[in-house]
Every structure is written in C-alpha cells, then in structure tokens.
Protein backbone atom coordinates (compact mmCIF):
# COMPACT_ATOMS: atom_id res chain seq x y z
CA UNK A 1 -10.08 9.58 -11.70
CA UNK A 2 -6.91 6.96 -12.42
CA UNK A 3 -4.87 5.50 -8.78
CA UNK A 4 -1.46 4.75 -9.55
CA UNK A 5 0.45 3.52 -7.44
CA UNK A 6 4.12 2.87 -7.57
CA UNK A 7 6.31 2.23 -4.29
CA UNK A 8 5.49 4.32 -1.70
CA UNK A 9 3.66 6.78 -4.05
CA UNK A 10 0.43 7.06 -4.89
CA UNK A 11 -1.35 10.01 -7.27
CA UNK A 12 -4.14 10.51 -9.64
CA UNK A 13 -4.88 11.07 -13.21
CA UNK A 14 -7.54 11.65 -15.43
CA UNK A 15 -8.75 9.19 -17.33
CA UNK A 16 -8.20 8.91 -20.83
CA UNK A 17 -4.31 8.76 -20.45
CA UNK A 18 -2.23 5.93 -22.00
CA UNK A 19 -0.12 4.41 -19.62
CA UNK A 20 2.99 5.02 -21.20
CA UNK A 21 1.95 8.92 -20.83
CA UNK A 22 1.12 8.31 -16.86
CA UNK A 23 5.27 6.57 -16.47
CA UNK A 24 7.07 9.56 -18.17
CA UNK A 25 4.88 12.14 -16.45
CA UNK A 26 5.87 10.44 -13.14
CA UNK A 27 9.50 10.85 -14.62
CA UNK A 28 10.08 6.91 -14.38
CA UNK A 29 12.04 5.14 -17.71
CA UNK A 30 9.17 2.98 -19.44
CA UNK A 31 11.80 0.55 -19.80
CA UNK A 32 12.15 0.06 -16.34
CA UNK A 33 8.43 -0.69 -15.26
CA UNK A 34 5.70 -2.70 -15.59
CA UNK A 35 2.32 -1.54 -15.64
CA UNK A 36 -0.93 -3.95 -13.42
CA UNK A 37 -4.03 -3.48 -13.60
CA UNK A 38 -6.72 -5.73 -12.09
CA UNK A 39 -3.85 -8.18 -11.35
CA UNK A 40 -2.81 -8.58 -15.10
CA UNK A 41 -0.16 -7.17 -16.86
CA UNK A 42 -1.00 -4.72 -19.54
CA UNK A 43 1.59 -2.47 -21.92
CA UNK A 44 2.22 1.00 -22.11
CA UNK A 45 0.00 1.50 -25.22
CA UNK A 46 -3.32 0.86 -22.54
CA UNK A 47 -5.59 3.69 -22.34
CA UNK A 48 -6.39 4.10 -18.61
CA UNK A 49 -10.20 4.42 -18.12
CA UNK A 50 -12.00 6.37 -15.15
CA UNK A 51 -12.28 3.91 -11.38
CA UNK A 52 -8.70 2.17 -12.60
CA UNK A 53 -5.86 1.58 -10.31
CA UNK A 54 -2.64 1.07 -11.84
CA UNK A 55 -0.18 -0.47 -10.07
CA UNK A 56 3.73 0.37 -11.34
CA UNK A 57 6.26 -2.41 -10.65
CA UNK A 58 9.95 -1.89 -10.90
CA UNK A 59 11.86 -4.38 -13.45
CA UNK A 60 14.59 -5.70 -11.55
CA UNK A 61 17.42 -7.85 -13.44
CA UNK A 62 20.16 -9.62 -12.46
CA UNK A 63 22.81 -12.35 -12.70
CA UNK A 64 25.78 -13.97 -12.95
C-alpha cells in the first residue's frame, strides 16, 4: 500500500496510481499542492509503488 499524508490527514491507496489521481481523488486541486517522496519533489505523473509514503504539501504564495 501507499501511505499519503496531507496536513493532519493520513490515508492509504493502492500502488500503481499516479500522484495526480491521488490528489484529485482527495478532492484537492493539483495546482495547489506539491508531492514529496523520500524527501524529493516528484511530479504528478509519477506512478506510486508499494511501500511509498507520499507527502502532499500545500503551495502558499503571496507578496507585495
């Protein structure tokens, strides 16, 4: 299984899904989160593998 973490939520999904599919299935906007696996940024076309832990990080922007 693949463990997915987003803020204070955790859930598992079957391996073989793309990161984009996981993000969309969670009801999140793919353009508003980044995915990290093993401390490295991955893109939304990455296919998950059994044993992965994927952390979704909200993108925050702002400025003057």
